[in-house]
Amino acid sequence: MNINRDEALRAKRVSRRFDENSDFIAARKLALKANKMDPTLENITHMTMVCDVHCAATEKELDWYGILQVDMNTDDIVIKKQYRRLALLLHPDKNKLPGAESAFKLIGEAQSILLDKAKRNFMILNVKPGVSLHLHQCIKPSMCRGRGTVLSVLIFSL
């Protein structure tokens, strides 16, 4: 078990270096590896959480749902709970890792956008084709007939 702990500590150190250089994808990969080798490592869940938030934010367009790690059809209560959970892990007073402060700001911005109905509806309408299941199928009310009715209400309420 001592060999796994040594390897896990080494992976954690290398992950932290990647984290400091803003290579969050490589840092996440090594942090997950370190966590798998020794789940008792200190702050390893904080490291993976910082990397997860930054990985979701490094795409060409910010994935607000990915930053908060929720689905597109999640309600406001779940969004608020997930924000609180992430905020406890990422708050700069509790998490001194590099990137934690910017990750904390990202989850705050994601929460404010996803809780604002107008911004959220605009985001749903501007989803890339193929990303969501059937959001763009029911643009006209006559096409909906039982499925996608919620989306048609959102589209015509803007």
C-alpha atoms as a PDB file:
ATOM      1  CA  MET A   1       0.000   0.000   0.000  1.00  0.00           C
ATOM      2  CA  ASN A   2       2.941   2.331   0.646  1.00  0.00           C
ATOM      3  CA  ILE A   3       4.000   2.127  -3.017  1.00  0.00           C
ATOM      4  CA  ASN A   4       0.528   3.236  -4.142  1.00  0.00           C
ATOM      5  CA  ARG A   5       0.634   6.144  -1.690  1.00  0.00           C
ATOM      6  CA  ASP A   6       4.034   7.279  -2.993  1.00  0.00           C
ATOM      7  CA  GLU A   7       2.821   7.083  -6.596  1.00  0.00           C
ATOM      8  CA  ALA A   8      -0.376   8.902  -5.653  1.00  0.00           C
ATOM      9  CA  LEU A   9       1.604  11.689  -3.975  1.00  0.00           C
ATOM     10  CA  ARG A  10       3.824  11.997  -7.050  1.00  0.00           C
ATOM     11  CA  ALA A  11       0.780  12.158  -9.339  1.00  0.00           C
ATOM     12  CA  LYS A  12      -0.752  14.791  -7.058  1.00  0.00           C
ATOM     13  CA  ARG A  13       2.420  16.931  -7.207  1.00  0.00           C
ATOM     14  CA  VAL A  14       2.559  16.710 -10.999  1.00  0.00           C
ATOM     15  CA  SER A  15      -1.160  17.479 -11.182  1.00  0.00           C
ATOM     16  CA  ARG A  16      -0.637  20.567  -9.063  1.00  0.00           C
ATOM     17  CA  ARG A  17       2.134  21.729 -11.426  1.00  0.00           C
ATOM     18  CA  PHE A  18      -0.209  21.326 -14.390  1.00  0.00           C
ATOM     19  CA  ASP A  19      -2.849  23.183 -12.394  1.00  0.00           C
ATOM     20  CA  GLU A  20      -0.475  26.093 -11.788  1.00  0.00           C
ATOM     21  CA  ASN A  21       0.264  26.237 -15.536  1.00  0.00           C
ATOM     22  CA  SER A  22      -3.479  26.284 -16.338  1.00  0.00           C
ATOM     23  CA  ASP A  23      -3.380  22.883 -18.066  1.00  0.00           C
ATOM     24  CA  PHE A  24      -6.524  21.720 -16.318  1.00  0.00           C
ATOM     25  CA  ILE A  25      -7.204  18.738 -18.571  1.00  0.00           C
ATOM     26  CA  ALA A  26      -3.867  17.094 -17.753  1.00  0.00           C
ATOM     27  CA  ALA A  27      -4.176  18.154 -14.110  1.00  0.00           C
ATOM     28  CA  ARG A  28      -7.610  16.534 -13.877  1.00  0.00           C
ATOM     29  CA  LYS A  29      -6.356  13.311 -15.421  1.00  0.00           C
ATOM     30  CA  LEU A  30      -3.505  13.029 -12.918  1.00  0.00           C
ATOM     31  CA  ALA A  31      -5.667  14.068  -9.961  1.00  0.00           C
ATOM     32  CA  LEU A  32      -8.162  11.328 -10.811  1.00  0.00           C
ATOM     33  CA  LYS A  33      -5.295   8.861 -11.099  1.00  0.00           C
ATOM     34  CA  ALA A  34      -3.947   9.928  -7.702  1.00  0.00           C
ATOM     35  CA  ASN A  35      -7.422   9.664  -6.184  1.00  0.00           C
ATOM     36  CA  LYS A  36      -7.826   6.163  -7.596  1.00  0.00           C
ATOM     37  CA  MET A  37      -4.481   5.055  -6.140  1.00  0.00           C
ATOM     38  CA  ASP A  38      -5.100   6.585  -2.719  1.00  0.00           C
ATOM     39  CA  PRO A  39      -8.496   8.153  -1.983  1.00  0.00           C
ATOM     40  CA  THR A  40      -7.291   9.348   1.440  1.00  0.00           C
ATOM     41  CA  LEU A  41      -5.007  12.020  -0.051  1.00  0.00           C
ATOM     42  CA  GLU A  42      -5.582  15.463   1.376  1.00  0.00           C
ATOM     43  CA  ASN A  43      -7.431  17.959  -0.887  1.00  0.00           C
ATOM     44  CA  ILE A  44      -7.596  15.560  -3.848  1.00  0.00           C
ATOM     45  CA  THR A  45     -11.360  16.089  -4.248  1.00  0.00           C
ATOM     46  CA  HIS A  46     -10.782  19.852  -4.184  1.00  0.00           C
ATOM     47  CA  MET A  47      -8.202  19.493  -6.960  1.00  0.00           C
ATOM     48  CA  THR A  48     -10.502  17.439  -9.160  1.00  0.00           C
ATOM     49  CA  MET A  49     -13.377  19.867  -8.586  1.00  0.00           C
ATOM     50  CA  VAL A  50     -11.242  22.861  -9.625  1.00  0.00           C
ATOM     51  CA  CYS A  51     -10.142  20.973 -12.731  1.00  0.00           C
ATOM     52  CA  ASP A  52     -13.704  19.887 -13.566  1.00  0.00           C
ATOM     53  CA  VAL A  53     -14.989  23.459 -13.474  1.00  0.00           C
ATOM     54  CA  HIS A  54     -12.114  24.774 -15.585  1.00  0.00           C
ATOM     55  CA  CYS A  55     -12.406  21.912 -18.086  1.00  0.00           C
ATOM     56  CA  ALA A  56     -16.079  22.773 -18.619  1.00  0.00           C
ATOM     57  CA  ALA A  57     -15.110  26.418 -19.082  1.00  0.00           C
ATOM     58  CA  THR A  58     -12.264  25.838 -21.552  1.00  0.00           C
ATOM     59  CA  GLU A  59     -14.561  24.900 -24.409  1.00  0.00           C
ATOM     60  CA  LYS A  60     -15.087  27.506 -27.142  1.00  0.00           C
ATOM     61  CA  GLU A  61     -18.388  28.493 -25.588  1.00  0.00           C
ATOM     62  CA  LEU A  62     -18.802  28.312 -21.850  1.00  0.00           C
ATOM     63  CA  ASP A  63     -20.882  25.318 -20.829  1.00  0.00           C
ATOM     64  CA  TRP A  64     -22.765  26.735 -17.846  1.00  0.00           C
ATOM     65  CA  TYR A  65     -24.482  23.426 -17.215  1.00  0.00           C
ATOM     66  CA  GLY A  66     -21.133  21.623 -17.304  1.00  0.00           C
ATOM     67  CA  ILE A  67     -19.578  24.133 -14.925  1.00  0.00           C
ATOM     68  CA  LEU A  68     -22.295  23.445 -12.347  1.00  0.00           C
ATOM     69  CA  GLN A  69     -22.387  19.748 -13.348  1.00  0.00           C
ATOM     70  CA  VAL A  70     -26.156  19.665 -13.888  1.00  0.00           C
ATOM     71  CA  ASP A  71     -28.422  18.613 -16.781  1.00  0.00           C
ATOM     72  CA  MET A  72     -30.162  21.057 -19.093  1.00  0.00           C
ATOM     73  CA  ASN A  73     -33.609  20.238 -17.710  1.00  0.00           C
ATOM     74  CA  THR A  74     -32.618  20.684 -14.067  1.00  0.00           C
ATOM     75  CA  ASP A  75     -34.873  22.891 -11.970  1.00  0.00           C
ATOM     76  CA  ASP A  76     -33.826  25.931  -9.924  1.00  0.00           C
ATOM     77  CA  ILE A  77     -33.742  24.081  -6.596  1.00  0.00           C
ATOM     78  CA  VAL A  78     -31.183  21.555  -7.835  1.00  0.00           C
ATOM     79  CA  ILE A  79     -29.104  24.348  -9.382  1.00  0.00           C
ATOM     80  CA  LYS A  80     -29.028  26.186  -6.053  1.00  0.00           C
ATOM     81  CA  LYS A  81     -28.086  23.007  -4.146  1.00  0.00           C
ATOM     82  CA  GLN A  82     -25.319  22.157  -6.600  1.00  0.00           C
ATOM     83  CA  TYR A  83     -23.984  25.719  -6.413  1.00  0.00           C
ATOM     84  CA  ARG A  84     -23.850  25.515  -2.607  1.00  0.00           C
ATOM     85  CA  ARG A  85     -22.066  22.165  -2.756  1.00  0.00           C
ATOM     86  CA  LEU A  86     -19.468  23.452  -5.215  1.00  0.00           C
ATOM     87  CA  ALA A  87     -19.100  26.765  -3.391  1.00  0.00           C
ATOM     88  CA  LEU A  88     -18.164  24.942  -0.189  1.00  0.00           C
ATOM     89  CA  LEU A  89     -15.443  23.040  -2.054  1.00  0.00           C
ATOM     90  CA  LEU A  90     -14.161  25.939  -4.143  1.00  0.00           C
ATOM     91  CA  HIS A  91     -14.403  28.939  -1.824  1.00  0.00           C
ATOM     92  CA  PRO A  92     -11.000  30.706  -1.794  1.00  0.00           C
ATOM     93  CA  ASP A  93     -10.934  30.789   2.019  1.00  0.00           C
ATOM     94  CA  LYS A  94     -11.176  26.994   2.176  1.00  0.00           C
ATOM     95  CA  ASN A  95      -9.414  26.020  -1.040  1.00  0.00           C
ATOM     96  CA  LYS A  96      -5.976  27.566  -1.580  1.00  0.00           C
ATOM     97  CA  LEU A  97      -5.226  25.611  -4.771  1.00  0.00           C
ATOM     98  CA  PRO A  98      -4.340  27.536  -7.921  1.00  0.00           C
ATOM     99  CA  GLY A  99      -7.440  28.157  -9.994  1.00  0.00           C
ATOM    100  CA  ALA A 100      -9.861  27.777  -7.075  1.00  0.00           C
ATOM    101  CA  GLU A 101     -10.721  31.480  -6.964  1.00  0.00           C
ATOM    102  CA  SER A 102     -11.474  31.668 -10.691  1.00  0.00           C
ATOM    103  CA  ALA A 103     -13.457  28.400 -10.481  1.00  0.00           C
ATOM    104  CA  PHE A 104     -15.472  29.919  -7.623  1.00  0.00           C
ATOM    105  CA  LYS A 105     -16.238  32.964  -9.773  1.00  0.00           C
ATOM    106  CA  LEU A 106     -17.236  30.712 -12.686  1.00  0.00           C
ATOM    107  CA  ILE A 107     -19.742  28.730 -10.635  1.00  0.00           C
ATOM    108  CA  GLY A 108     -21.222  31.990  -9.324  1.00  0.00           C
ATOM    109  CA  GLU A 109     -21.636  33.302 -12.844  1.00  0.00           C
ATOM    110  CA  ALA A 110     -23.085  29.970 -13.995  1.00  0.00           C
ATOM    111  CA  GLN A 111     -25.623  30.022 -11.183  1.00  0.00           C
ATOM    112  CA  SER A 112     -26.709  33.575 -11.941  1.00  0.00           C
ATOM    113  CA  ILE A 113     -27.153  32.775 -15.648  1.00  0.00           C
ATOM    114  CA  LEU A 114     -29.018  29.507 -15.092  1.00  0.00           C
ATOM    115  CA  LEU A 115     -31.367  31.036 -12.511  1.00  0.00           C
ATOM    116  CA  ASP A 116     -32.214  33.983 -14.786  1.00  0.00           C
ATOM    117  CA  LYS A 117     -35.140  32.739 -16.896  1.00  0.00           C
ATOM    118  CA  ALA A 118     -34.498  35.075 -19.839  1.00  0.00           C
ATOM    119  CA  LYS A 119     -30.816  34.182 -20.120  1.00  0.00           C
ATOM    120  CA  ARG A 120     -31.535  30.481 -19.694  1.00  0.00           C
ATOM    121  CA  ASN A 121     -34.237  30.545 -22.401  1.00  0.00           C
ATOM    122  CA  PHE A 122     -31.866  32.388 -24.737  1.00  0.00           C
ATOM    123  CA  MET A 123     -29.214  29.767 -24.072  1.00  0.00           C
ATOM    124  CA  ILE A 124     -31.645  26.929 -24.803  1.00  0.00           C
ATOM    125  CA  LEU A 125     -32.585  28.515 -28.116  1.00  0.00           C
ATOM    126  CA  ASN A 126     -28.970  28.940 -29.163  1.00  0.00           C
ATOM    127  CA  VAL A 127     -27.867  25.361 -28.527  1.00  0.00           C
ATOM    128  CA  LYS A 128     -25.755  23.904 -31.327  1.00  0.00           C
ATOM    129  CA  PRO A 129     -27.534  21.303 -33.494  1.00  0.00           C
ATOM    130  CA  GLY A 130     -26.996  17.793 -32.220  1.00  0.00           C
ATOM    131  CA  VAL A 131     -26.102  18.891 -28.682  1.00  0.00           C
ATOM    132  CA  SER A 132     -29.555  18.491 -27.179  1.00  0.00           C
ATOM    133  CA  LEU A 133     -32.114  15.783 -27.755  1.00  0.00           C
ATOM    134  CA  HIS A 134     -35.040  17.449 -29.527  1.00  0.00           C
ATOM    135  CA  LEU A 135     -35.006  21.091 -28.514  1.00  0.00           C
ATOM    136  CA  HIS A 136     -35.236  22.469 -32.053  1.00  0.00           C
ATOM    137  CA  GLN A 137     -37.920  20.104 -33.345  1.00  0.00           C
ATOM    138  CA  CYS A 138     -40.934  22.039 -32.093  1.00  0.00           C
ATOM    139  CA  ILE A 139     -40.487  25.585 -33.286  1.00  0.00           C
ATOM    140  CA  LYS A 140     -44.134  26.026 -34.392  1.00  0.00           C
ATOM    141  CA  PRO A 141     -46.947  25.223 -31.938  1.00  0.00           C
ATOM    142  CA  SER A 142     -48.699  23.103 -34.575  1.00  0.00           C
ATOM    143  CA  MET A 143     -45.651  20.786 -34.709  1.00  0.00           C
ATOM    144  CA  CYS A 144     -45.602  20.037 -30.985  1.00  0.00           C
ATOM    145  CA  ARG A 145     -48.791  18.070 -30.373  1.00  0.00           C
ATOM    146  CA  GLY A 146     -47.850  16.456 -27.091  1.00  0.00           C
ATOM    147  CA  ARG A 147     -44.074  16.544 -27.158  1.00  0.00           C
ATOM    148  CA  GLY A 148     -41.822  19.528 -26.681  1.00  0.00           C
ATOM    149  CA  THR A 149     -44.708  21.752 -25.634  1.00  0.00           C
ATOM    150  CA  VAL A 150     -42.595  23.312 -22.898  1.00  0.00           C
ATOM    151  CA  LEU A 151     -40.017  24.433 -25.441  1.00  0.00           C
ATOM    152  CA  SER A 152     -42.671  25.945 -27.702  1.00  0.00           C
ATOM    153  CA  VAL A 153     -43.908  27.981 -24.742  1.00  0.00           C
ATOM    154  CA  LEU A 154     -40.345  29.123 -24.045  1.00  0.00           C
ATOM    155  CA  ILE A 155     -39.748  30.084 -27.662  1.00  0.00           C
ATOM    156  CA  PHE A 156     -42.902  32.137 -27.978  1.00  0.00           C
ATOM    157  CA  SER A 157     -42.601  33.748 -24.583  1.00  0.00           C
ATOM    158  CA  LEU A 158     -39.402  35.613 -25.510  1.00  0.00           C
END
